[in-house]
Amino acid sequence: MSLASLGLLLYFQGLALVRVPKPERNVAPLVASKNPIPSPKNTKSHTSRETEIFKKRADFSRLSVGSEFELSGISRGEMERFLGLVEFVERKQSYTQFHVLIKESGKGVITIADNSVDIFLNTRQGVYQFSGDDFDGVVYEVKSVTWGDDIDYPSERPGKYPAPLKTFEVLE
């Protein structure tokens, strides 16, 4: 006997009748199907859209809200695959920014400007990024970030340092 579930229906193969557990104890004959049930090994899932692997800057020009795409990543020498879905697009004169959902693992921001590509993905596997003048097809895992002192002070300060305090008199 074998069972195969198709939605809410159960099909039994190799049985002549089935007993239905009801108070009236009905017995229903089984009818053999002319179309055999496909083995899960032989079935392929079909999606309505093919996912495109992005390998260069020009690929991003085809993205719009709802677009699906794939990016390759490298983490500890291993290839990763990130399936993205565009949630929001912001188009400005000097850049286009895509807010993306990384399926089953996180979110990201992709910014395409005239002479730069910046990709930042925050996933369950880690943080990945690419920043450069042209996308080479791969985002790389960020190992560690040292924030440090990122404030830029001018080497020569104009005037006196520290500035003298000015005092005021209150006249009544």
N, C-alpha and C. Protein backbone atom coordinates (compact mmCIF):
# COMPACT_ATOMS: atom_id res chain seq x y z
N MET A 1 0.85 -1.17 0.00
CA MET A 1 0.00 0.00 0.00
C MET A 1 0.89 1.24 0.00
N SER A 2 0.52 2.25 -0.77
CA SER A 2 1.25 3.51 -0.74
C SER A 2 0.26 4.65 -0.70
N LEU A 3 0.68 5.73 -0.03
CA LEU A 3 -0.15 6.92 0.11
C LEU A 3 0.49 8.07 -0.64
N ALA A 4 -0.33 8.90 -1.24
CA ALA A 4 0.17 10.12 -1.88
C ALA A 4 -0.83 11.22 -1.59
N SER A 5 -0.35 12.33 -1.07
CA SER A 5 -1.24 13.43 -0.74
C SER A 5 -1.24 14.46 -1.86
N LEU A 6 -2.40 14.83 -2.33
CA LEU A 6 -2.55 15.88 -3.33
C LEU A 6 -3.54 16.89 -2.77
N GLY A 7 -3.03 17.88 -2.10
CA GLY A 7 -3.92 18.85 -1.48
C GLY A 7 -4.67 18.20 -0.34
N LEU A 8 -6.00 18.25 -0.39
CA LEU A 8 -6.81 17.65 0.66
C LEU A 8 -7.24 16.23 0.32
N LEU A 9 -6.86 15.72 -0.84
CA LEU A 9 -7.26 14.39 -1.25
C LEU A 9 -6.15 13.39 -1.01
N LEU A 10 -6.51 12.20 -0.61
CA LEU A 10 -5.55 11.12 -0.46
C LEU A 10 -5.85 10.05 -1.50
N TYR A 11 -4.83 9.60 -2.17
CA TYR A 11 -4.98 8.53 -3.14
C TYR A 11 -4.23 7.32 -2.60
N PHE A 12 -4.89 6.17 -2.60
CA PHE A 12 -4.27 4.93 -2.15
C PHE A 12 -3.99 4.09 -3.39
N GLN A 13 -2.77 3.63 -3.48
CA GLN A 13 -2.42 2.77 -4.61
C GLN A 13 -2.33 1.33 -4.12
N GLY A 14 -2.91 0.41 -4.86
CA GLY A 14 -2.79 -1.01 -4.56
C GLY A 14 -3.86 -1.53 -3.61
N LEU A 15 -4.93 -0.78 -3.33
CA LEU A 15 -6.02 -1.26 -2.48
C LEU A 15 -7.32 -1.28 -3.27
N ALA A 16 -8.16 -2.26 -2.97
CA ALA A 16 -9.43 -2.38 -3.68
C ALA A 16 -10.52 -1.54 -3.02
N LEU A 17 -10.50 -1.39 -1.70
CA LEU A 17 -11.50 -0.56 -1.04
C LEU A 17 -10.92 0.08 0.21
N VAL A 18 -11.61 1.11 0.65
CA VAL A 18 -11.15 1.88 1.80
C VAL A 18 -12.27 1.95 2.81
N ARG A 19 -11.93 1.76 4.07
CA ARG A 19 -12.92 1.92 5.13
C ARG A 19 -12.79 3.33 5.68
N VAL A 20 -13.89 4.04 5.68
CA VAL A 20 -13.92 5.41 6.18
C VAL A 20 -14.42 5.36 7.61
N PRO A 21 -13.63 5.89 8.57
CA PRO A 21 -14.04 5.80 9.98
C PRO A 21 -15.16 6.78 10.31
N LYS A 22 -16.40 6.37 9.99
CA LYS A 22 -17.59 7.16 10.33
C LYS A 22 -18.53 6.24 11.11
N PRO A 23 -19.45 6.82 11.81
CA PRO A 23 -20.37 5.97 12.57
C PRO A 23 -21.15 5.00 11.69
N GLU A 24 -21.49 5.42 10.49
CA GLU A 24 -22.27 4.52 9.63
C GLU A 24 -21.41 3.48 8.92
N ARG A 25 -20.05 3.56 9.07
CA ARG A 25 -19.11 2.56 8.53
C ARG A 25 -19.30 2.34 7.03
N ASN A 26 -19.27 3.42 6.26
CA ASN A 26 -19.38 3.32 4.80
C ASN A 26 -18.14 2.68 4.23
N VAL A 27 -18.29 1.95 3.17
CA VAL A 27 -17.17 1.36 2.45
C VAL A 27 -17.21 1.92 1.04
N ALA A 28 -16.10 2.52 0.60
CA ALA A 28 -16.07 3.13 -0.72
C ALA A 28 -15.06 2.40 -1.59
N PRO A 29 -15.43 2.05 -2.82
CA PRO A 29 -14.47 1.39 -3.71
C PRO A 29 -13.44 2.39 -4.22
N LEU A 30 -12.26 1.90 -4.48
CA LEU A 30 -11.21 2.74 -5.04
C LEU A 30 -11.19 2.61 -6.54
N VAL A 31 -10.94 3.71 -7.21
CA VAL A 31 -10.82 3.72 -8.66
C VAL A 31 -9.37 3.98 -9.00
N ALA A 32 -8.80 3.15 -9.84
CA ALA A 32 -7.40 3.32 -10.23
C ALA A 32 -7.27 4.55 -11.12
N SER A 33 -6.26 5.33 -10.87
CA SER A 33 -6.01 6.53 -11.67
C SER A 33 -5.32 6.14 -12.97
N LYS A 34 -5.73 6.78 -14.07
CA LYS A 34 -5.07 6.52 -15.35
C LYS A 34 -3.73 7.24 -15.41
N ASN A 35 -3.59 8.33 -14.66
CA ASN A 35 -2.34 9.09 -14.63
C ASN A 35 -1.59 8.76 -13.35
N PRO A 36 -0.45 8.12 -13.46
CA PRO A 36 0.30 7.79 -12.24
C PRO A 36 0.79 9.07 -11.56
N ILE A 37 0.89 8.99 -10.25
CA ILE A 37 1.37 10.12 -9.47
C ILE A 37 2.88 10.21 -9.65
N PRO A 38 3.40 11.37 -10.03
CA PRO A 38 4.84 11.47 -10.27
C PRO A 38 5.62 11.34 -8.97
N SER A 39 6.77 10.75 -9.09
CA SER A 39 7.67 10.61 -7.95
C SER A 39 8.24 11.98 -7.61
N PRO A 40 8.40 12.30 -6.31
CA PRO A 40 9.00 13.59 -5.97
C PRO A 40 10.40 13.77 -6.56
N LYS A 41 11.08 12.66 -6.82
CA LYS A 41 12.42 12.74 -7.40
C LYS A 41 12.38 13.26 -8.84
N ASN A 42 11.29 12.99 -9.54
CA ASN A 42 11.20 13.36 -10.94
C ASN A 42 10.51 14.70 -11.18
N THR A 43 10.01 15.32 -10.13
CA THR A 43 9.31 16.58 -10.32
C THR A 43 10.28 17.74 -10.18
N LYS A 44 10.02 18.81 -10.90
CA LYS A 44 10.82 20.03 -10.83
C LYS A 44 9.90 21.16 -10.42
N SER A 45 10.39 22.01 -9.53
CA SER A 45 9.56 23.16 -9.18
C SER A 45 9.72 24.20 -10.27
N HIS A 46 8.64 24.80 -10.63
CA HIS A 46 8.65 25.82 -11.67
C HIS A 46 8.27 27.14 -11.04
N THR A 47 9.06 28.15 -11.27
CA THR A 47 8.73 29.48 -10.78
C THR A 47 8.22 30.30 -11.95
N SER A 48 7.44 31.31 -11.62
CA SER A 48 6.87 32.13 -12.69
C SER A 48 7.94 32.98 -13.36
N ARG A 49 9.03 33.29 -12.64
CA ARG A 49 10.10 34.11 -13.20
C ARG A 49 11.44 33.43 -12.98
N GLU A 50 12.30 33.58 -13.93
CA GLU A 50 13.66 33.08 -13.77
C GLU A 50 14.47 34.14 -13.02
N THR A 51 15.32 33.70 -12.12
CA THR A 51 16.17 34.62 -11.38
C THR A 51 17.47 34.81 -12.15
N GLU A 52 17.83 36.07 -12.36
CA GLU A 52 19.02 36.39 -13.13
C GLU A 52 20.20 36.63 -12.20
N ILE A 53 21.36 36.07 -12.53
CA ILE A 53 22.58 36.29 -11.76
C ILE A 53 23.22 37.58 -12.24
N PHE A 54 23.45 38.51 -11.32
CA PHE A 54 24.03 39.80 -11.67
C PHE A 54 25.55 39.73 -11.60
N LYS A 55 26.20 40.12 -12.69
CA LYS A 55 27.65 40.03 -12.77
C LYS A 55 28.32 41.35 -13.11
N LYS A 56 27.54 42.39 -13.46
CA LYS A 56 28.15 43.67 -13.82
C LYS A 56 27.18 44.81 -13.53
N ARG A 57 27.69 46.03 -13.56
CA ARG A 57 26.91 47.22 -13.24
C ARG A 57 25.66 47.34 -14.12
N ALA A 58 25.76 47.09 -15.39
CA ALA A 58 24.64 47.26 -16.31
C ALA A 58 23.45 46.38 -15.94
N ASP A 59 23.68 45.25 -15.27
CA ASP A 59 22.59 44.36 -14.89
C ASP A 59 21.59 45.05 -13.96
N PHE A 60 22.07 45.96 -13.13
CA PHE A 60 21.20 46.63 -12.16
C PHE A 60 20.23 47.60 -12.82
N SER A 61 20.51 48.04 -14.03
CA SER A 61 19.62 49.00 -14.71
C SER A 61 18.27 48.37 -15.03
N ARG A 62 18.18 47.07 -15.05
CA ARG A 62 16.92 46.38 -15.35
C ARG A 62 16.04 46.16 -14.12
N LEU A 63 16.53 46.52 -12.93
CA LEU A 63 15.76 46.28 -11.71
C LEU A 63 14.63 47.28 -11.53
N SER A 64 13.53 46.80 -10.99
CA SER A 64 12.41 47.65 -10.59
C SER A 64 11.77 46.97 -9.37
N VAL A 65 10.79 47.62 -8.77
CA VAL A 65 10.12 47.04 -7.60
C VAL A 65 9.52 45.69 -7.99
N GLY A 66 9.80 44.67 -7.19
CA GLY A 66 9.31 43.32 -7.46
C GLY A 66 10.26 42.46 -8.26
N SER A 67 11.35 43.04 -8.78
CA SER A 67 12.33 42.26 -9.54
C SER A 67 13.08 41.30 -8.63
N GLU A 68 13.36 40.11 -9.16
CA GLU A 68 14.17 39.14 -8.44
C GLU A 68 15.52 39.03 -9.13
N PHE A 69 16.57 38.82 -8.34
CA PHE A 69 17.91 38.71 -8.89
C PHE A 69 18.75 37.86 -7.95
N GLU A 70 19.94 37.52 -8.40
CA GLU A 70 20.84 36.69 -7.60
C GLU A 70 22.23 37.31 -7.60
N LEU A 71 22.85 37.34 -6.42
CA LEU A 71 24.22 37.82 -6.27
C LEU A 71 25.07 36.69 -5.71
N SER A 72 26.32 36.65 -6.11
CA SER A 72 27.27 35.68 -5.57
C SER A 72 28.09 36.36 -4.49
N GLY A 73 28.41 35.60 -3.46
CA GLY A 73 29.22 36.13 -2.37
C GLY A 73 30.31 35.14 -1.99
N ILE A 74 31.34 35.65 -1.34
CA ILE A 74 32.42 34.79 -0.86
C ILE A 74 32.57 35.00 0.63
N SER A 75 32.54 33.88 1.37
CA SER A 75 32.70 33.90 2.82
C SER A 75 33.64 32.78 3.21
N ARG A 76 34.77 33.14 3.81
CA ARG A 76 35.78 32.16 4.26
C ARG A 76 36.15 31.19 3.13
N GLY A 77 36.29 31.72 1.93
CA GLY A 77 36.69 30.92 0.78
C GLY A 77 35.57 30.11 0.15
N GLU A 78 34.37 30.18 0.68
CA GLU A 78 33.23 29.43 0.15
C GLU A 78 32.30 30.36 -0.61
N MET A 79 31.73 29.85 -1.70
CA MET A 79 30.76 30.63 -2.48
C MET A 79 29.41 30.61 -1.79
N GLU A 80 28.77 31.75 -1.72
CA GLU A 80 27.41 31.90 -1.19
C GLU A 80 26.52 32.39 -2.32
N ARG A 81 25.23 32.16 -2.20
CA ARG A 81 24.27 32.63 -3.19
C ARG A 81 23.19 33.41 -2.47
N PHE A 82 22.92 34.62 -2.94
CA PHE A 82 21.91 35.46 -2.32
C PHE A 82 20.82 35.77 -3.33
N LEU A 83 19.59 35.36 -3.01
CA LEU A 83 18.45 35.65 -3.86
C LEU A 83 17.80 36.92 -3.34
N GLY A 84 17.71 37.93 -4.19
CA GLY A 84 17.18 39.22 -3.77
C GLY A 84 15.86 39.56 -4.41
N LEU A 85 15.08 40.36 -3.72
CA LEU A 85 13.81 40.87 -4.20
C LEU A 85 13.80 42.37 -3.94
N VAL A 86 13.58 43.17 -4.98
CA VAL A 86 13.59 44.63 -4.83
C VAL A 86 12.29 45.08 -4.17
N GLU A 87 12.43 45.75 -3.02
CA GLU A 87 11.26 46.25 -2.28
C GLU A 87 10.96 47.72 -2.60
N PHE A 88 12.01 48.50 -2.84
CA PHE A 88 11.84 49.95 -3.01
C PHE A 88 12.97 50.47 -3.89
N VAL A 89 12.66 51.40 -4.79
CA VAL A 89 13.67 52.01 -5.66
C VAL A 89 13.60 53.52 -5.48
N GLU A 90 14.76 54.12 -5.25
CA GLU A 90 14.86 55.58 -5.15
C GLU A 90 15.76 56.06 -6.28
N ARG A 91 15.19 56.81 -7.21
CA ARG A 91 15.96 57.31 -8.36
C ARG A 91 16.18 58.81 -8.19
N LYS A 92 17.43 59.20 -8.13
CA LYS A 92 17.82 60.61 -8.03
C LYS A 92 18.66 60.95 -9.25
N GLN A 93 19.00 62.23 -9.40
CA GLN A 93 19.78 62.65 -10.57
C GLN A 93 21.16 62.00 -10.58
N SER A 94 21.78 61.87 -9.42
CA SER A 94 23.17 61.39 -9.37
C SER A 94 23.31 59.91 -8.99
N TYR A 95 22.22 59.25 -8.58
CA TYR A 95 22.32 57.84 -8.19
C TYR A 95 20.95 57.17 -8.23
N THR A 96 20.98 55.83 -8.21
CA THR A 96 19.77 55.03 -8.03
C THR A 96 20.04 54.08 -6.88
N GLN A 97 19.10 54.01 -5.94
CA GLN A 97 19.29 53.15 -4.78
C GLN A 97 18.16 52.14 -4.70
N PHE A 98 18.54 50.87 -4.49
CA PHE A 98 17.59 49.77 -4.39
C PHE A 98 17.61 49.24 -2.96
N HIS A 99 16.45 49.16 -2.34
CA HIS A 99 16.32 48.53 -1.03
C HIS A 99 15.82 47.12 -1.33
N VAL A 100 16.57 46.11 -0.88
CA VAL A 100 16.27 44.74 -1.27
C VAL A 100 16.06 43.85 -0.05
N LEU A 101 15.26 42.83 -0.26
CA LEU A 101 15.05 41.78 0.73
C LEU A 101 15.84 40.57 0.25
N ILE A 102 16.73 40.07 1.09
CA ILE A 102 17.48 38.86 0.75
C ILE A 102 16.66 37.69 1.28
N LYS A 103 16.16 36.86 0.40
CA LYS A 103 15.22 35.81 0.76
C LYS A 103 15.77 34.92 1.86
N GLU A 104 14.97 34.77 2.89
CA GLU A 104 15.24 33.91 4.04
C GLU A 104 16.47 34.30 4.84
N SER A 105 17.03 35.51 4.60
CA SER A 105 18.22 35.79 5.39
C SER A 105 18.50 37.25 5.71
N GLY A 106 17.81 38.22 5.17
CA GLY A 106 18.14 39.59 5.56
C GLY A 106 17.70 40.65 4.58
N LYS A 107 18.40 41.78 4.66
CA LYS A 107 18.08 42.94 3.81
C LYS A 107 19.36 43.52 3.26
N GLY A 108 19.20 44.43 2.30
CA GLY A 108 20.37 45.07 1.72
C GLY A 108 20.03 46.37 1.03
N VAL A 109 21.08 47.11 0.71
CA VAL A 109 20.96 48.37 -0.02
C VAL A 109 21.99 48.34 -1.14
N ILE A 110 21.56 48.66 -2.35
CA ILE A 110 22.45 48.71 -3.51
C ILE A 110 22.34 50.12 -4.08
N THR A 111 23.47 50.81 -4.18
CA THR A 111 23.49 52.17 -4.71
C THR A 111 24.35 52.19 -5.96
N ILE A 112 23.76 52.63 -7.08
CA ILE A 112 24.46 52.72 -8.35
C ILE A 112 24.55 54.19 -8.72
N ALA A 113 25.78 54.70 -8.83
CA ALA A 113 26.01 56.09 -9.24
C ALA A 113 26.77 56.07 -10.56
N ASP A 114 27.04 57.26 -11.09
CA ASP A 114 27.73 57.34 -12.38
C ASP A 114 29.08 56.65 -12.36
N ASN A 115 29.82 56.79 -11.28
CA ASN A 115 31.15 56.18 -11.25
C ASN A 115 31.39 55.35 -10.00
N SER A 116 30.33 54.77 -9.42
CA SER A 116 30.53 53.86 -8.29
C SER A 116 29.35 52.91 -8.13
N VAL A 117 29.67 51.75 -7.57
CA VAL A 117 28.67 50.75 -7.22
C VAL A 117 28.93 50.39 -5.76
N ASP A 118 27.90 50.52 -4.93
CA ASP A 118 28.03 50.18 -3.51
C ASP A 118 26.92 49.20 -3.15
N ILE A 119 27.31 48.03 -2.66
CA ILE A 119 26.35 46.99 -2.28
C ILE A 119 26.62 46.64 -0.83
N PHE A 120 25.57 46.64 -0.02
CA PHE A 120 25.68 46.28 1.38
C PHE A 120 24.56 45.32 1.70
N LEU A 121 24.90 44.09 2.14
CA LEU A 121 23.91 43.08 2.48
C LEU A 121 24.10 42.66 3.93
N ASN A 122 23.04 42.70 4.71
CA ASN A 122 23.08 42.24 6.09
C ASN A 122 22.25 40.96 6.13
N THR A 123 22.93 39.81 6.18
CA THR A 123 22.25 38.52 6.09
C THR A 123 22.48 37.71 7.35
N ARG A 124 21.75 36.62 7.47
CA ARG A 124 21.93 35.71 8.59
C ARG A 124 23.33 35.09 8.55
N GLN A 125 23.89 34.92 7.36
CA GLN A 125 25.22 34.34 7.22
C GLN A 125 26.32 35.32 7.58
N GLY A 126 26.03 36.62 7.52
CA GLY A 126 27.04 37.63 7.81
C GLY A 126 26.74 38.91 7.06
N VAL A 127 27.69 39.84 7.12
CA VAL A 127 27.57 41.12 6.43
C VAL A 127 28.46 41.07 5.20
N TYR A 128 27.90 41.44 4.04
CA TYR A 128 28.63 41.38 2.78
C TYR A 128 28.59 42.75 2.12
N GLN A 129 29.66 43.06 1.38
CA GLN A 129 29.68 44.36 0.70
C GLN A 129 30.54 44.31 -0.55
N PHE A 130 30.26 45.28 -1.41
CA PHE A 130 31.11 45.58 -2.55
C PHE A 130 31.08 47.08 -2.70
N SER A 131 32.24 47.66 -2.96
CA SER A 131 32.32 49.09 -3.22
C SER A 131 33.41 49.30 -4.24
N GLY A 132 33.05 49.88 -5.37
CA GLY A 132 34.04 50.10 -6.42
C GLY A 132 33.44 50.83 -7.60
N ASP A 133 34.28 51.02 -8.62
CA ASP A 133 33.79 51.76 -9.78
C ASP A 133 33.00 50.90 -10.75
N ASP A 134 33.17 49.58 -10.71
CA ASP A 134 32.36 48.69 -11.53
C ASP A 134 32.23 47.35 -10.82
N PHE A 135 31.03 46.80 -10.80
CA PHE A 135 30.75 45.55 -10.10
C PHE A 135 31.40 44.39 -10.83
N ASP A 136 32.10 43.53 -10.08
CA ASP A 136 32.78 42.38 -10.68
C ASP A 136 32.01 41.08 -10.50
N GLY A 137 30.79 41.16 -9.95
CA GLY A 137 29.96 39.97 -9.83
C GLY A 137 29.96 39.30 -8.48
N VAL A 138 30.78 39.78 -7.53
CA VAL A 138 30.90 39.11 -6.23
C VAL A 138 30.86 40.13 -5.10
N VAL A 139 30.09 39.82 -4.05
CA VAL A 139 30.14 40.60 -2.81
C VAL A 139 30.97 39.79 -1.81
N TYR A 140 31.71 40.49 -0.97
CA TYR A 140 32.64 39.82 -0.05
C TYR A 140 32.19 40.02 1.39
N GLU A 141 32.37 38.99 2.20
CA GLU A 141 32.01 39.09 3.61
C GLU A 141 32.92 40.08 4.30
N VAL A 142 32.33 40.92 5.15
CA VAL A 142 33.09 41.87 5.94
C VAL A 142 33.55 41.12 7.19
N LYS A 143 34.86 41.03 7.37
CA LYS A 143 35.39 40.25 8.50
C LYS A 143 35.21 41.00 9.81
N SER A 144 35.75 42.20 9.91
CA SER A 144 35.57 43.01 11.11
C SER A 144 35.66 44.47 10.71
N VAL A 145 35.06 45.29 11.51
CA VAL A 145 35.06 46.72 11.24
C VAL A 145 35.70 47.42 12.42
N THR A 146 36.74 48.20 12.14
CA THR A 146 37.35 49.01 13.17
C THR A 146 36.91 50.44 12.92
N TRP A 147 36.02 50.92 13.75
CA TRP A 147 35.49 52.26 13.52
C TRP A 147 36.52 53.32 13.83
N GLY A 148 37.20 53.22 14.96
CA GLY A 148 38.25 54.17 15.30
C GLY A 148 37.77 55.60 15.33
N ASP A 149 38.72 56.52 15.16
CA ASP A 149 38.42 57.94 15.16
C ASP A 149 38.31 58.38 13.70
N ASP A 150 37.10 58.54 13.23
CA ASP A 150 36.92 58.89 11.83
C ASP A 150 36.56 60.36 11.63
N ILE A 151 36.91 61.19 12.61
CA ILE A 151 36.66 62.63 12.48
C ILE A 151 37.89 63.27 11.89
N ASP A 152 37.70 64.06 10.85
CA ASP A 152 38.81 64.72 10.15
C ASP A 152 38.98 66.13 10.69
N TYR A 153 40.14 66.37 11.32
CA TYR A 153 40.46 67.71 11.80
C TYR A 153 41.42 68.35 10.83
N PRO A 154 41.24 69.63 10.52
CA PRO A 154 42.21 70.30 9.65
C PRO A 154 43.56 70.38 10.37
N SER A 155 44.64 70.22 9.61
CA SER A 155 45.97 70.23 10.23
C SER A 155 46.34 71.62 10.73
N GLU A 156 45.91 72.65 10.03
CA GLU A 156 46.16 74.02 10.48
C GLU A 156 44.84 74.66 10.85
N ARG A 157 44.78 75.16 12.06
CA ARG A 157 43.55 75.79 12.51
C ARG A 157 43.66 77.30 12.32
N PRO A 158 42.66 77.89 11.70
CA PRO A 158 42.71 79.34 11.51
C PRO A 158 42.52 80.06 12.85
N GLY A 159 43.21 81.15 13.03
CA GLY A 159 43.06 81.96 14.24
C GLY A 159 43.69 81.32 15.45
N LYS A 160 43.34 81.85 16.60
CA LYS A 160 43.88 81.34 17.86
C LYS A 160 43.09 80.12 18.30
N TYR A 161 43.80 79.20 18.90
CA TYR A 161 43.13 78.01 19.42
C TYR A 161 43.58 77.81 20.84
N PRO A 162 42.79 77.64 21.80
CA PRO A 162 41.34 77.82 21.76
C PRO A 162 41.00 79.29 21.61
N ALA A 163 39.84 79.57 21.13
CA ALA A 163 39.40 80.95 20.90
C ALA A 163 39.24 81.66 22.24
N PRO A 164 39.64 82.95 22.27
CA PRO A 164 39.48 83.68 23.52
C PRO A 164 38.00 83.88 23.83
N LEU A 165 37.69 83.85 25.11
CA LEU A 165 36.30 84.05 25.54
C LEU A 165 35.97 85.52 25.55
N LYS A 166 34.81 85.85 25.08
CA LYS A 166 34.35 87.23 25.11
C LYS A 166 33.43 87.39 26.31
N THR A 167 33.61 88.48 26.99
CA THR A 167 32.75 88.74 28.14
C THR A 167 31.89 89.96 27.85
N PHE A 168 30.76 89.98 28.45
CA PHE A 168 29.83 91.08 28.25
C PHE A 168 29.44 91.65 29.60
N GLU A 169 29.22 92.95 29.61
CA GLU A 169 28.75 93.61 30.83
C GLU A 169 27.26 93.85 30.69
N VAL A 170 26.59 93.69 31.77
CA VAL A 170 25.15 93.97 31.79
C VAL A 170 24.97 95.35 32.39
N LEU A 171 24.39 96.26 31.65
CA LEU A 171 24.16 97.63 32.11
C LEU A 171 22.71 97.78 32.50
N GLU A 172 22.51 98.43 33.62
CA GLU A 172 21.13 98.65 34.05
C GLU A 172 20.71 100.06 33.84
